[in-house]
Protein backbone atom coordinates (compact mmCIF):
# COMPACT_ATOMS: atom_id res chain seq x y z
CA UNK A 1 151.69 111.38 -82.45
CA UNK A 2 152.67 107.90 -83.49
CA UNK A 3 156.03 106.35 -82.76
CA UNK A 4 157.63 103.76 -85.01
CA UNK A 5 160.94 101.72 -84.56
CA UNK A 6 163.54 101.38 -87.12
CA UNK A 7 165.31 97.89 -87.35
CA UNK A 8 168.67 98.55 -88.21
CA UNK A 9 169.72 95.18 -88.63
CA UNK A 10 170.69 94.02 -92.17
CA UNK A 11 169.15 90.55 -91.85
CA UNK A 12 166.87 89.45 -88.75
CA UNK A 13 165.54 85.98 -89.41
CA UNK A 14 161.83 85.26 -88.83
CA UNK A 15 162.22 84.18 -85.35
CA UNK A 16 164.07 87.11 -84.15
CA UNK A 17 161.68 89.57 -85.83
CA UNK A 18 158.88 87.56 -84.11
CA UNK A 19 160.59 88.20 -80.73
CA UNK A 20 161.19 91.84 -81.47
CA UNK A 21 157.56 92.27 -82.62
CA UNK A 22 156.31 90.95 -79.04
CA UNK A 23 158.50 93.53 -77.47
CA UNK A 24 157.50 96.37 -79.67
CA UNK A 25 153.64 95.47 -79.49
CA UNK A 26 153.91 95.53 -75.87
CA UNK A 27 155.53 99.08 -75.87
CA UNK A 28 152.72 100.27 -78.12
CA UNK A 29 154.74 101.18 -81.21
CA UNK A 30 152.91 101.98 -84.30
CA UNK A 31 155.02 100.01 -86.69
CA UNK A 32 158.59 98.69 -87.35
CA UNK A 33 160.30 99.95 -90.32
CA UNK A 34 162.20 96.98 -92.19
CA UNK A 35 164.91 98.55 -94.38
CA UNK A 36 165.55 97.51 -97.87
CA UNK A 37 168.72 95.99 -99.45
CA UNK A 38 168.63 93.28 -102.28
CA UNK A 39 171.55 91.34 -100.43
CA UNK A 40 169.39 90.72 -97.55
CA UNK A 41 166.30 88.19 -97.33
CA UNK A 42 162.98 89.50 -98.43
CA UNK A 43 161.28 91.23 -95.48
CA UNK A 44 157.72 90.95 -97.10
CA UNK A 45 158.13 87.04 -96.70
CA UNK A 46 159.82 87.30 -93.20
CA UNK A 47 157.55 89.70 -91.68
CA UNK A 48 154.46 87.67 -92.93
CA UNK A 49 155.98 84.61 -91.08
CA UNK A 50 156.60 86.74 -87.89
CA UNK A 51 153.28 88.37 -87.91
CA UNK A 52 150.75 87.32 -85.00
CA UNK A 53 147.04 87.88 -86.21
CA UNK A 54 145.26 90.21 -83.73
CA UNK A 55 148.26 92.24 -82.62
CA UNK A 56 148.30 95.77 -83.81
CA UNK A 57 152.08 96.43 -84.70
CA UNK A 58 152.34 97.30 -88.29
CA UNK A 59 155.08 96.29 -90.51
CA UNK A 60 156.48 99.29 -92.44
CA UNK A 61 158.24 97.55 -95.71
CA UNK A 62 160.93 99.84 -97.61
CA UNK A 63 160.81 99.17 -101.26
CA UNK A 64 162.72 100.55 -104.09
CA UNK A 65 160.42 100.57 -107.25
CA UNK A 66 163.30 99.31 -109.53
CA UNK A 67 163.38 95.81 -107.87
CA UNK A 68 159.77 94.78 -108.15
CA UNK A 69 156.88 95.13 -110.72
CA UNK A 70 153.72 97.13 -109.57
CA UNK A 71 151.78 94.15 -110.44
CA UNK A 72 153.75 91.83 -108.21
CA UNK A 73 153.90 94.55 -105.35
CA UNK A 74 150.00 94.60 -105.54
CA UNK A 75 149.83 90.59 -105.38
CA UNK A 76 152.02 90.59 -102.11
CA UNK A 77 149.95 93.43 -100.65
CA UNK A 78 146.64 91.46 -101.17
CA UNK A 79 148.14 88.31 -99.85
CA UNK A 80 149.32 90.32 -96.65
CA UNK A 81 145.83 91.59 -96.24
CA UNK A 82 144.37 87.96 -96.28
CA UNK A 83 147.01 86.98 -93.39
CA UNK A 84 145.83 89.91 -91.25
CA UNK A 85 144.31 93.25 -92.32
CA UNK A 86 145.65 96.84 -91.63
CA UNK A 87 149.06 95.45 -90.75
CA UNK A 88 151.17 96.95 -93.53
CA UNK A 89 152.71 100.25 -94.47
CA UNK A 90 154.85 100.58 -97.55
CA UNK A 91 157.94 103.18 -97.42
CA UNK A 92 158.69 104.06 -101.09
CA UNK A 93 162.27 104.74 -101.73
CA UNK A 94 163.01 106.68 -104.95
CA UNK A 95 166.64 106.56 -104.47
CA UNK A 96 169.16 109.24 -105.29
CA UNK A 97 172.31 109.94 -107.33
CA UNK A 98 174.50 107.61 -105.18
CA UNK A 99 175.99 104.58 -107.13
CA UNK A 100 174.62 101.46 -105.55
CA UNK A 101 175.84 97.92 -106.32
CA UNK A 102 172.59 96.37 -105.45
CA UNK A 103 170.43 98.66 -107.79
CA UNK A 104 170.02 98.12 -111.53
CA UNK A 105 171.43 100.97 -113.59
CA UNK A 106 168.59 103.29 -115.01
CA UNK A 107 168.81 104.82 -118.46
CA UNK A 108 168.27 108.29 -116.96
CA UNK A 109 171.11 107.80 -114.11
CA UNK A 110 173.71 110.42 -114.67
CA UNK A 111 176.01 110.89 -111.79
CA UNK A 112 177.80 114.30 -112.44
CA UNK A 113 176.98 117.07 -110.04
CA UNK A 114 175.52 119.22 -112.64
CA UNK A 115 172.88 116.34 -113.64
CA UNK A 116 171.91 115.88 -109.94
CA UNK A 117 168.73 117.69 -109.97
CA UNK A 118 167.66 116.24 -113.33
CA UNK A 119 168.31 112.76 -111.98
CA UNK A 120 166.33 113.03 -108.82
CA UNK A 121 163.37 114.63 -110.93
CA UNK A 122 163.48 111.78 -113.23
CA UNK A 123 163.71 108.97 -110.64
CA UNK A 124 160.78 110.63 -108.78
CA UNK A 125 158.72 110.77 -111.83
CA UNK A 126 159.61 106.96 -112.34
CA UNK A 127 158.18 106.28 -108.61
CA UNK A 128 155.05 108.44 -109.34
CA UNK A 129 154.35 106.25 -112.49
CA UNK A 130 155.09 103.17 -110.40
CA UNK A 131 152.70 104.14 -107.63
CA UNK A 132 150.14 105.05 -109.88
CA UNK A 133 150.28 101.54 -111.61
CA UNK A 134 150.40 99.92 -108.21
CA UNK A 135 147.16 101.75 -107.19
CA UNK A 136 145.45 100.51 -110.42
CA UNK A 137 146.24 96.86 -109.37
CA UNK A 138 145.80 97.10 -105.62
CA UNK A 139 141.96 97.59 -104.50
CA UNK A 140 141.38 100.40 -102.04
CA UNK A 141 140.39 98.10 -99.29
CA UNK A 142 143.61 96.39 -99.25
CA UNK A 143 146.02 99.37 -99.99
CA UNK A 144 148.24 100.15 -97.14
CA UNK A 145 149.31 103.86 -95.83
CA UNK A 146 152.31 105.09 -97.94
CA UNK A 147 155.37 106.77 -96.61
CA UNK A 148 157.73 108.50 -99.05
CA UNK A 149 161.28 109.15 -98.23
CA UNK A 150 163.09 112.43 -99.22
CA UNK A 151 162.75 115.86 -98.82
CA UNK A 152 163.51 117.40 -102.40
CA UNK A 153 160.90 119.54 -103.98
CA UNK A 154 160.00 116.65 -106.25
CA UNK A 155 159.70 114.12 -103.51
CA UNK A 156 157.48 116.38 -101.20
CA UNK A 157 155.40 117.04 -104.18
CA UNK A 158 154.76 113.30 -104.77
CA UNK A 159 154.00 112.87 -101.19
CA UNK A 160 151.23 115.48 -101.54
CA UNK A 161 150.08 113.88 -104.86
CA UNK A 162 149.36 110.56 -102.92
CA UNK A 163 148.19 111.90 -99.71
CA UNK A 164 151.06 110.10 -98.11
CA UNK A 165 153.38 110.77 -95.22
CA UNK A 166 156.96 112.15 -95.63
CA UNK A 167 159.89 110.75 -94.19
CA UNK A 168 163.42 112.43 -93.56
CA UNK A 169 165.87 112.83 -90.72
CA UNK A 170 164.94 115.25 -87.86
CA UNK A 171 167.75 117.68 -88.38
CA UNK A 172 166.73 117.76 -92.29
CA UNK A 173 163.22 118.59 -91.35
CA UNK A 174 164.03 121.26 -89.02
CA UNK A 175 166.39 122.69 -91.61
CA UNK A 176 163.59 122.61 -94.41
CA UNK A 177 160.25 122.95 -92.62
CA UNK A 178 159.01 125.63 -94.99
CA UNK A 179 159.18 122.93 -97.89
CA UNK A 180 156.43 120.72 -95.95
CA UNK A 181 153.55 122.99 -96.43
CA UNK A 182 150.60 121.04 -97.59
CA UNK A 183 152.20 117.83 -96.21
CA UNK A 184 149.74 116.44 -93.64
CA UNK A 185 151.70 113.32 -92.40
CA UNK A 186 155.35 114.45 -91.28
CA UNK A 187 157.52 111.57 -90.07
CA UNK A 188 160.91 112.32 -88.82
CA UNK A 189 163.87 109.71 -87.85
CA UNK A 190 165.82 110.35 -84.76
CA UNK A 191 168.45 108.43 -82.61
CA UNK A 192 166.95 108.46 -79.17
CA UNK A 193 169.52 107.76 -76.16
CA UNK A 194 168.75 108.02 -72.51
CA UNK A 195 171.43 108.59 -70.05
CA UNK A 196 171.49 108.71 -66.18
CA UNK A 197 173.74 111.77 -65.37
CA UNK A 198 175.03 114.97 -67.09
CA UNK A 199 178.42 113.42 -66.91
CA UNK A 200 177.25 110.52 -69.08
CA UNK A 201 175.50 112.70 -71.54
CA UNK A 202 178.38 115.27 -72.19
CA UNK A 203 180.82 112.16 -72.43
CA UNK A 204 178.29 110.56 -74.87
CA UNK A 205 178.02 113.77 -76.98
CA UNK A 206 181.67 114.07 -77.38
CA UNK A 207 182.09 110.42 -78.45
CA UNK A 208 179.28 110.65 -80.90
CA UNK A 209 180.50 113.86 -82.43
CA UNK A 210 183.94 112.40 -83.00
CA UNK A 211 182.34 109.59 -85.12
CA UNK A 212 179.89 111.70 -86.98
CA UNK A 213 179.57 115.50 -86.21
CA UNK A 214 175.92 115.55 -87.84
CA UNK A 215 174.74 112.64 -85.57
CA UNK A 216 174.08 115.03 -82.71
CA UNK A 217 171.76 117.02 -84.80
CA UNK A 218 169.25 114.23 -85.44
CA UNK A 219 169.57 112.85 -82.09
CA UNK A 220 167.34 113.21 -78.83
CA UNK A 221 169.63 112.78 -75.82
CA UNK A 222 169.25 113.38 -72.21
CA UNK A 223 168.03 111.64 -68.95
CA UNK A 224 164.76 109.85 -69.03
CA UNK A 225 162.36 112.79 -68.26
CA UNK A 226 164.21 115.14 -70.68
CA UNK A 227 164.00 112.62 -73.47
CA UNK A 228 160.35 112.11 -72.79
CA UNK A 229 159.63 115.84 -72.84
CA UNK A 230 161.60 116.26 -76.03
CA UNK A 231 159.61 113.33 -77.69
CA UNK A 232 156.36 114.75 -76.63
CA UNK A 233 157.08 118.13 -77.84
CA UNK A 234 157.79 117.31 -81.43
CA UNK A 235 154.11 117.67 -82.04
CA UNK A 236 154.74 121.50 -81.60
CA UNK A 237 156.75 121.24 -84.84
CA UNK A 238 153.80 119.75 -86.82
CA UNK A 239 155.56 116.44 -86.60
CA UNK A 240 152.98 113.60 -86.70
CA UNK A 241 155.25 110.64 -86.52
CA UNK A 242 158.63 109.81 -84.79
CA UNK A 243 160.71 106.83 -86.39
CA UNK A 244 163.23 106.32 -83.77
CA UNK A 245 166.31 103.86 -83.70
CA UNK A 246 168.18 103.06 -80.32
CA UNK A 247 171.58 101.93 -81.24
CA UNK A 248 174.67 104.22 -81.41
CA UNK A 249 177.82 103.73 -83.76
CA UNK A 250 181.11 102.59 -81.79
CA UNK A 251 179.11 101.65 -78.77
CA UNK A 252 179.25 97.79 -77.62
CA UNK A 253 176.19 95.67 -78.02
CA UNK A 254 175.45 95.61 -74.16
CA UNK A 255 175.32 99.46 -74.10
CA UNK A 256 172.85 99.57 -77.17
CA UNK A 257 170.76 96.94 -75.72
CA UNK A 258 170.42 98.61 -72.22
CA UNK A 259 169.51 101.81 -74.00
CA UNK A 260 167.01 100.02 -76.24
CA UNK A 261 165.33 98.57 -73.17
CA UNK A 262 165.06 102.12 -71.65
CA UNK A 263 163.59 103.59 -74.84
CA UNK A 264 160.94 101.05 -75.11
CA UNK A 265 160.10 101.67 -71.58
CA UNK A 266 159.88 105.25 -72.33
CA UNK A 267 157.59 104.68 -75.35
CA UNK A 268 155.33 102.43 -73.41
CA UNK A 269 154.90 105.16 -70.91
CA UNK A 270 154.33 107.89 -73.42
CA UNK A 271 151.80 105.69 -75.32
CA UNK A 272 149.81 104.78 -72.03
CA UNK A 273 149.60 108.31 -71.10
CA UNK A 274 148.25 109.38 -74.49
CA UNK A 275 145.46 106.74 -74.21
CA UNK A 276 144.49 107.98 -71.01
CA UNK A 277 144.39 111.58 -72.23
CA UNK A 278 142.41 110.47 -75.19
CA UNK A 279 139.75 108.78 -72.80
């Protein structure tokens, strides 16, 4: 199972991204997800500046098709490949029925509850047309793996069409696992938290539930060995990829940084043992 890291920082500069990349490379992460927002600086450019040729860490760049043309996206992909081959993953985000200030209004956007299904279907169709055109302009040898966010029937059908990897939260996957038939690559996102004692674990759970009751459902919580076991057992649920994040809401920076260090240590151990097993 591949393990990926989600960067939940709105606008890391190239130097900070390069420093983070060194840490993630050492731990053996497969990629780092760079999330999308039009009010932050472009991660295509920043990751290219942070990229160290010869490393293995990939940059998974989230893109909304309404903000770039397929032709220009192909140009960026080919340029990336010229810097260093096989270092890019594209995370396609079709969007949903929520209004976004940073997203252009689309002619098919209707935000009433009764039109929700129709809106999602039309946005997914827009994405399919975009990706088909992107493939026309992007040669096979430079075309990166593709990850498709969402778990609607339309989103998963799109994932199958392009032989991509699906992405959704861990609890969403578990609640809808029957919908993923025929999807080979299954990526789930989860908050990973390592604590020392049962008392710390219970106090953490109480605090996190008070902030967001759902949060605990997409979290992997426990002491070092328990978290390790929970992660390695995800493959038993036909999960192929784990996209983890380590920062918890309403916890101070030093607490999150300590948890981040522990999780990175654990990921390094899991990856090292996996390589030994393969050999």
